[in-house]
PDB file of N, CA and C in Angstrom:
ATOM      1  N   MET A   1       2.924   0.905 -24.517  1.00  0.00           N
ATOM      2  CA  MET A   1       4.078   0.271 -23.956  1.00  0.00           C
ATOM      3  C   MET A   1       4.362   0.822 -22.568  1.00  0.00           C
ATOM      4  N   ASP A   2       4.252   2.130 -22.387  1.00  0.00           N
ATOM      5  CA  ASP A   2       4.537   2.722 -21.091  1.00  0.00           C
ATOM      6  C   ASP A   2       3.560   2.234 -20.029  1.00  0.00           C
ATOM      7  N   ARG A   3       2.298   2.164 -20.387  1.00  0.00           N
ATOM      8  CA  ARG A   3       1.301   1.711 -19.410  1.00  0.00           C
ATOM      9  C   ARG A   3       1.491   0.232 -19.073  1.00  0.00           C
ATOM     10  N   ALA A   4       1.883  -0.558 -20.040  1.00  0.00           N
ATOM     11  CA  ALA A   4       2.137  -1.971 -19.776  1.00  0.00           C
ATOM     12  C   ALA A   4       3.306  -2.128 -18.812  1.00  0.00           C
ATOM     13  N   LEU A   5       4.350  -1.345 -18.993  1.00  0.00           N
ATOM     14  CA  LEU A   5       5.490  -1.383 -18.078  1.00  0.00           C
ATOM     15  C   LEU A   5       5.069  -0.917 -16.699  1.00  0.00           C
ATOM     16  N   LEU A   6       4.244   0.121 -16.630  1.00  0.00           N
ATOM     17  CA  LEU A   6       3.745   0.601 -15.342  1.00  0.00           C
ATOM     18  C   LEU A   6       3.001  -0.500 -14.604  1.00  0.00           C
ATOM     19  N   ILE A   7       2.146  -1.218 -15.292  1.00  0.00           N
ATOM     20  CA  ILE A   7       1.380  -2.287 -14.657  1.00  0.00           C
ATOM     21  C   ILE A   7       2.304  -3.404 -14.188  1.00  0.00           C
ATOM     22  N   ASP A   8       3.325  -3.715 -14.974  1.00  0.00           N
ATOM     23  CA  ASP A   8       4.238  -4.796 -14.612  1.00  0.00           C
ATOM     24  C   ASP A   8       5.122  -4.468 -13.414  1.00  0.00           C
ATOM     25  N   VAL A   9       5.380  -3.188 -13.169  1.00  0.00           N
ATOM     26  CA  VAL A   9       6.276  -2.828 -12.071  1.00  0.00           C
ATOM     27  C   VAL A   9       5.544  -2.268 -10.858  1.00  0.00           C
ATOM     28  N   LEU A  10       4.239  -2.447 -10.774  1.00  0.00           N
ATOM     29  CA  LEU A  10       3.502  -1.997  -9.593  1.00  0.00           C
ATOM     30  C   LEU A  10       4.057  -2.688  -8.347  1.00  0.00           C
ATOM     31  N   PRO A  11       4.337  -1.917  -7.291  1.00  0.00           N
ATOM     32  CA  PRO A  11       4.910  -2.524  -6.091  1.00  0.00           C
ATOM     33  C   PRO A  11       3.924  -3.418  -5.347  1.00  0.00           C
ATOM     34  N   ASP A  12       2.652  -3.048  -5.316  1.00  0.00           N
ATOM     35  CA  ASP A  12       1.650  -3.814  -4.569  1.00  0.00           C
ATOM     36  C   ASP A  12       0.417  -3.967  -5.441  1.00  0.00           C
ATOM     37  N   ARG A  13       0.344  -5.075  -6.153  1.00  0.00           N
ATOM     38  CA  ARG A  13      -0.757  -5.253  -7.107  1.00  0.00           C
ATOM     39  C   ARG A  13      -2.107  -5.465  -6.424  1.00  0.00           C
ATOM     40  N   GLN A  14      -2.117  -5.933  -5.201  1.00  0.00           N
ATOM     41  CA  GLN A  14      -3.378  -6.226  -4.532  1.00  0.00           C
ATOM     42  C   GLN A  14      -3.922  -5.031  -3.756  1.00  0.00           C
ATOM     43  N   GLY A  15      -3.114  -4.451  -2.908  1.00  0.00           N
ATOM     44  CA  GLY A  15      -3.602  -3.429  -1.990  1.00  0.00           C
ATOM     45  C   GLY A  15      -3.745  -2.039  -2.580  1.00  0.00           C
ATOM     46  N   ALA A  16      -2.723  -1.561  -3.245  1.00  0.00           N
ATOM     47  CA  ALA A  16      -2.711  -0.168  -3.676  1.00  0.00           C
ATOM     48  C   ALA A  16      -2.651  -0.034  -5.192  1.00  0.00           C
ATOM     49  N   ALA A  17      -3.069  -1.041  -5.910  1.00  0.00           N
ATOM     50  CA  ALA A  17      -2.965  -1.007  -7.370  1.00  0.00           C
ATOM     51  C   ALA A  17      -3.791   0.126  -7.966  1.00  0.00           C
ATOM     52  N   GLY A  18      -4.987   0.359  -7.436  1.00  0.00           N
ATOM     53  CA  GLY A  18      -5.833   1.431  -7.956  1.00  0.00           C
ATOM     54  C   GLY A  18      -5.196   2.794  -7.790  1.00  0.00           C
ATOM     55  N   ARG A  19      -4.626   3.015  -6.605  1.00  0.00           N
ATOM     56  CA  ARG A  19      -3.958   4.294  -6.361  1.00  0.00           C
ATOM     57  C   ARG A  19      -2.760   4.461  -7.282  1.00  0.00           C
ATOM     58  N   ASP A  20      -1.961   3.412  -7.405  1.00  0.00           N
ATOM     59  CA  ASP A  20      -0.764   3.483  -8.244  1.00  0.00           C
ATOM     60  C   ASP A  20      -1.124   3.675  -9.711  1.00  0.00           C
ATOM     61  N   LEU A  21      -2.144   2.988 -10.183  1.00  0.00           N
ATOM     62  CA  LEU A  21      -2.574   3.168 -11.572  1.00  0.00           C
ATOM     63  C   LEU A  21      -3.148   4.562 -11.790  1.00  0.00           C
ATOM     64  N   GLY A  22      -3.842   5.097 -10.786  1.00  0.00           N
ATOM     65  CA  GLY A  22      -4.366   6.458 -10.876  1.00  0.00           C
ATOM     66  C   GLY A  22      -3.254   7.488 -10.974  1.00  0.00           C
ATOM     67  N   LEU A  23      -2.228   7.323 -10.157  1.00  0.00           N
ATOM     68  CA  LEU A  23      -1.091   8.236 -10.205  1.00  0.00           C
ATOM     69  C   LEU A  23      -0.351   8.117 -11.539  1.00  0.00           C
ATOM     70  N   GLY A  24      -0.223   6.894 -12.033  1.00  0.00           N
ATOM     71  CA  GLY A  24       0.424   6.695 -13.325  1.00  0.00           C
ATOM     72  C   GLY A  24      -0.381   7.326 -14.446  1.00  0.00           C
ATOM     73  N   GLY A  25      -1.696   7.144 -14.401  1.00  0.00           N
ATOM     74  CA  GLY A  25      -2.561   7.747 -15.413  1.00  0.00           C
ATOM     75  C   GLY A  25      -2.498   9.263 -15.372  1.00  0.00           C
ATOM     76  N   MET A  26      -2.413   9.812 -14.162  1.00  0.00           N
ATOM     77  CA  MET A  26      -2.294  11.258 -14.030  1.00  0.00           C
ATOM     78  C   MET A  26      -0.963  11.732 -14.619  1.00  0.00           C
ATOM     79  N   GLY A  27       0.079  10.963 -14.387  1.00  0.00           N
ATOM     80  CA  GLY A  27       1.376  11.318 -14.955  1.00  0.00           C
ATOM     81  C   GLY A  27       1.368  11.286 -16.472  1.00  0.00           C
ATOM     82  N   PHE A  28       0.688  10.306 -17.046  1.00  0.00           N
ATOM     83  CA  PHE A  28       0.593  10.223 -18.507  1.00  0.00           C
ATOM     84  C   PHE A  28      -0.229  11.381 -19.070  1.00  0.00           C
ATOM     85  N   SER A  29      -1.278  11.782 -18.364  1.00  0.00           N
ATOM     86  CA  SER A  29      -2.189  12.815 -18.866  1.00  0.00           C
ATOM     87  C   SER A  29      -1.669  14.234 -18.662  1.00  0.00           C
ATOM     88  N   LEU A  30      -0.934  14.459 -17.590  1.00  0.00           N
ATOM     89  CA  LEU A  30      -0.493  15.815 -17.294  1.00  0.00           C
ATOM     90  C   LEU A  30       0.430  16.389 -18.366  1.00  0.00           C
ATOM     91  N   GLY A  31       1.259  15.560 -18.952  1.00  0.00           N
ATOM     92  CA  GLY A  31       2.149  16.051 -20.004  1.00  0.00           C
ATOM     93  C   GLY A  31       1.380  16.606 -21.186  1.00  0.00           C
ATOM     94  N   GLY A  32       0.327  15.915 -21.565  1.00  0.00           N
ATOM     95  CA  GLY A  32      -0.491  16.374 -22.680  1.00  0.00           C
ATOM     96  C   GLY A  32      -1.333  17.590 -22.346  1.00  0.00           C
ATOM     97  N   ALA A  33      -1.606  17.796 -21.065  1.00  0.00           N
ATOM     98  CA  ALA A  33      -2.400  18.945 -20.651  1.00  0.00           C
ATOM     99  C   ALA A  33      -1.540  20.178 -20.391  1.00  0.00           C
ATOM    100  N   ILE A  34      -0.397  19.977 -19.778  1.00  0.00           N
ATOM    101  CA  ILE A  34       0.455  21.106 -19.397  1.00  0.00           C
ATOM    102  C   ILE A  34       1.411  21.502 -20.517  1.00  0.00           C
ATOM    103  N   GLY A  35       1.838  20.547 -21.321  1.00  0.00           N
ATOM    104  CA  GLY A  35       2.811  20.817 -22.376  1.00  0.00           C
ATOM    105  C   GLY A  35       2.422  21.941 -23.326  1.00  0.00           C
ATOM    106  N   PRO A  36       1.221  21.913 -23.894  1.00  0.00           N
ATOM    107  CA  PRO A  36       0.846  22.991 -24.814  1.00  0.00           C
ATOM    108  C   PRO A  36       0.783  24.367 -24.136  1.00  0.00           C
ATOM    109  N   VAL A  37       0.383  24.389 -22.875  1.00  0.00           N
ATOM    110  CA  VAL A  37       0.314  25.665 -22.161  1.00  0.00           C
ATOM    111  C   VAL A  37       1.720  26.231 -21.970  1.00  0.00           C
ATOM    112  N   LEU A  38       2.638  25.381 -21.502  1.00  0.00           N
ATOM    113  CA  LEU A  38       4.014  25.837 -21.300  1.00  0.00           C
ATOM    114  C   LEU A  38       4.682  26.194 -22.624  1.00  0.00           C
ATOM    115  N   ALA A  39       4.458  25.373 -23.641  1.00  0.00           N
ATOM    116  CA  ALA A  39       5.064  25.664 -24.947  1.00  0.00           C
ATOM    117  C   ALA A  39       4.527  26.976 -25.504  1.00  0.00           C
ATOM    118  N   GLY A  40       3.247  27.242 -25.322  1.00  0.00           N
ATOM    119  CA  GLY A  40       2.673  28.498 -25.786  1.00  0.00           C
ATOM    120  C   GLY A  40       3.301  29.700 -25.088  1.00  0.00           C
ATOM    121  N   GLN A  41       3.553  29.536 -23.787  1.00  0.00           N
ATOM    122  CA  GLN A  41       4.196  30.617 -23.038  1.00  0.00           C
ATOM    123  C   GLN A  41       5.619  30.844 -23.533  1.00  0.00           C
ATOM    124  N   VAL A  42       6.343  29.754 -23.771  1.00  0.00           N
ATOM    125  CA  VAL A  42       7.726  29.882 -24.254  1.00  0.00           C
ATOM    126  C   VAL A  42       7.757  30.538 -25.631  1.00  0.00           C
ATOM    127  N   VAL A  43       6.860  30.118 -26.514  1.00  0.00           N
ATOM    128  CA  VAL A  43       6.801  30.721 -27.853  1.00  0.00           C
ATOM    129  C   VAL A  43       6.432  32.198 -27.748  1.00  0.00           C
ATOM    130  N   GLY A  44       5.496  32.516 -26.860  1.00  0.00           N
ATOM    131  CA  GLY A  44       5.102  33.905 -26.689  1.00  0.00           C
ATOM    132  C   GLY A  44       6.228  34.779 -26.159  1.00  0.00           C
ATOM    133  N   LEU A  45       7.023  34.227 -25.254  1.00  0.00           N
ATOM    134  CA  LEU A  45       8.116  35.001 -24.656  1.00  0.00           C
ATOM    135  C   LEU A  45       9.326  35.128 -25.581  1.00  0.00           C
ATOM    136  N   THR A  46       9.614  34.058 -26.327  1.00  0.00           N
ATOM    137  CA  THR A  46      10.824  34.064 -27.145  1.00  0.00           C
ATOM    138  C   THR A  46      10.558  34.406 -28.609  1.00  0.00           C
ATOM    139  N   GLY A  47       9.307  34.286 -29.035  1.00  0.00           N
ATOM    140  CA  GLY A  47       8.975  34.614 -30.416  1.00  0.00           C
ATOM    141  C   GLY A  47       9.278  33.515 -31.413  1.00  0.00           C
ATOM    142  N   GLY A  48       9.589  32.309 -30.932  1.00  0.00           N
ATOM    143  CA  GLY A  48       9.875  31.207 -31.844  1.00  0.00           C
ATOM    144  C   GLY A  48       9.826  29.865 -31.127  1.00  0.00           C
ATOM    145  N   TYR A  49      10.016  28.822 -31.888  1.00  0.00           N
ATOM    146  CA  TYR A  49       9.915  27.467 -31.354  1.00  0.00           C
ATOM    147  C   TYR A  49      11.259  26.850 -30.975  1.00  0.00           C
ATOM    148  N   GLY A  50      12.350  27.562 -31.186  1.00  0.00           N
ATOM    149  CA  GLY A  50      13.678  27.003 -30.924  1.00  0.00           C
ATOM    150  C   GLY A  50      13.839  26.492 -29.501  1.00  0.00           C
ATOM    151  N   LEU A  51      13.449  27.297 -28.521  1.00  0.00           N
ATOM    152  CA  LEU A  51      13.589  26.883 -27.121  1.00  0.00           C
ATOM    153  C   LEU A  51      12.652  25.730 -26.777  1.00  0.00           C
ATOM    154  N   VAL A  52      11.494  25.682 -27.435  1.00  0.00           N
ATOM    155  CA  VAL A  52      10.562  24.566 -27.198  1.00  0.00           C
ATOM    156  C   VAL A  52      11.227  23.250 -27.600  1.00  0.00           C
ATOM    157  N   TRP A  53      11.922  23.236 -28.746  1.00  0.00           N
ATOM    158  CA  TRP A  53      12.596  22.018 -29.201  1.00  0.00           C
ATOM    159  C   TRP A  53      13.736  21.636 -28.267  1.00  0.00           C
ATOM    160  N   VAL A  54      14.470  22.622 -27.789  1.00  0.00           N
ATOM    161  CA  VAL A  54      15.559  22.342 -26.842  1.00  0.00           C
ATOM    162  C   VAL A  54      14.989  21.742 -25.561  1.00  0.00           C
ATOM    163  N   MET A  55      13.900  22.312 -25.049  1.00  0.00           N
ATOM    164  CA  MET A  55      13.269  21.783 -23.839  1.00  0.00           C
ATOM    165  C   MET A  55      12.752  20.361 -24.067  1.00  0.00           C
ATOM    166  N   ALA A  56      12.172  20.105 -25.232  1.00  0.00           N
ATOM    167  CA  ALA A  56      11.657  18.770 -25.532  1.00  0.00           C
ATOM    168  C   ALA A  56      12.782  17.743 -25.570  1.00  0.00           C
ATOM    169  N   ILE A  57      13.902  18.116 -26.147  1.00  0.00           N
ATOM    170  CA  ILE A  57      15.046  17.197 -26.189  1.00  0.00           C
ATOM    171  C   ILE A  57      15.572  16.935 -24.785  1.00  0.00           C
ATOM    172  N   LEU A  58      15.676  17.978 -23.969  1.00  0.00           N
ATOM    173  CA  LEU A  58      16.152  17.793 -22.594  1.00  0.00           C
ATOM    174  C   LEU A  58      15.211  16.906 -21.780  1.00  0.00           C
ATOM    175  N   ILE A  59      13.911  17.107 -21.932  1.00  0.00           N
ATOM    176  CA  ILE A  59      12.938  16.282 -21.213  1.00  0.00           C
ATOM    177  C   ILE A  59      13.028  14.833 -21.674  1.00  0.00           C
ATOM    178  N   ALA A  60      13.207  14.610 -22.975  1.00  0.00           N
ATOM    179  CA  ALA A  60      13.355  13.241 -23.486  1.00  0.00           C
ATOM    180  C   ALA A  60      14.615  12.585 -22.940  1.00  0.00           C
ATOM    181  N   LEU A  61      15.695  13.330 -22.824  1.00  0.00           N
ATOM    182  CA  LEU A  61      16.928  12.775 -22.259  1.00  0.00           C
ATOM    183  C   LEU A  61      16.768  12.431 -20.783  1.00  0.00           C
ATOM    184  N   VAL A  62      16.090  13.294 -20.046  1.00  0.00           N
ATOM    185  CA  VAL A  62      15.836  13.008 -18.624  1.00  0.00           C
ATOM    186  C   VAL A  62      14.966  11.759 -18.487  1.00  0.00           C
ATOM    187  N   ALA A  63      13.955  11.628 -19.341  1.00  0.00           N
ATOM    188  CA  ALA A  63      13.093  10.445 -19.297  1.00  0.00           C
ATOM    189  C   ALA A  63      13.876   9.179 -19.631  1.00  0.00           C
ATOM    190  N   THR A  64      14.787   9.290 -20.577  1.00  0.00           N
ATOM    191  CA  THR A  64      15.626   8.137 -20.938  1.00  0.00           C
ATOM    192  C   THR A  64      16.490   7.707 -19.770  1.00  0.00           C
ATOM    193  N   VAL A  65      17.091   8.660 -19.094  1.00  0.00           N
ATOM    194  CA  VAL A  65      17.928   8.345 -17.930  1.00  0.00           C
ATOM    195  C   VAL A  65      17.077   7.763 -16.804  1.00  0.00           C
ATOM    196  N   ALA A  66      15.855   8.257 -16.644  1.00  0.00           N
ATOM    197  CA  ALA A  66      14.984   7.779 -15.568  1.00  0.00           C
ATOM    198  C   ALA A  66      14.528   6.345 -15.787  1.00  0.00           C
ATOM    199  N   ILE A  67      14.401   5.902 -17.036  1.00  0.00           N
ATOM    200  CA  ILE A  67      13.913   4.550 -17.308  1.00  0.00           C
ATOM    201  C   ILE A  67      15.030   3.510 -17.298  1.00  0.00           C
ATOM    202  N   VAL A  68      16.271   3.939 -17.392  1.00  0.00           N
ATOM    203  CA  VAL A  68      17.396   3.010 -17.447  1.00  0.00           C
ATOM    204  C   VAL A  68      17.444   2.068 -16.241  1.00  0.00           C
ATOM    205  N   PRO A  69      17.152   2.526 -14.995  1.00  0.00           N
ATOM    206  CA  PRO A  69      17.227   1.592 -13.864  1.00  0.00           C
ATOM    207  C   PRO A  69      16.216   0.444 -13.932  1.00  0.00           C
ATOM    208  N   VAL A  70      15.178   0.553 -14.744  1.00  0.00           N
ATOM    209  CA  VAL A  70      14.196  -0.523 -14.873  1.00  0.00           C
ATOM    210  C   VAL A  70      14.776  -1.545 -15.847  1.00  0.00           C
ATOM    211  N   LYS A  71      15.541  -2.479 -15.312  1.00  0.00           N
ATOM    212  CA  LYS A  71      16.227  -3.482 -16.139  1.00  0.00           C
ATOM    213  C   LYS A  71      15.267  -4.556 -16.634  1.00  0.00           C
ATOM    214  N   LYS A  72      14.504  -5.094 -15.703  1.00  0.00           N
ATOM    215  CA  LYS A  72      13.564  -6.129 -16.083  1.00  0.00           C
ATOM    216  C   LYS A  72      12.416  -6.137 -15.110  1.00  0.00           C
ATOM    217  N   VAL A  73      11.344  -6.775 -15.513  1.00  0.00           N
ATOM    218  CA  VAL A  73      10.151  -6.864 -14.687  1.00  0.00           C
ATOM    219  C   VAL A  73      10.180  -8.205 -13.967  1.00  0.00           C
ATOM    220  N   LYS A  74       9.750  -8.187 -12.722  1.00  0.00           N
ATOM    221  CA  LYS A  74       9.745  -9.427 -11.925  1.00  0.00           C
ATOM    222  C   LYS A  74       8.862 -10.482 -12.549  1.00  0.00           C
TER     223      LYS A  74
END
């Protein structure tokens, strides 16, 4: 669903679509690559998963607020 929305809201489908899709793909992939590393560090420093869950909830709330301005696709 996220990738479909990304494709629908590309600003320039003809000229810079490859670059925009590449940046979007990098954004989708970085979370899965960096998340476990950061979570491991947090667990190592705090000795538990409590802060990891708090961070995950905060990130989800920020993502929710960030998607709200996308009302509809042209």
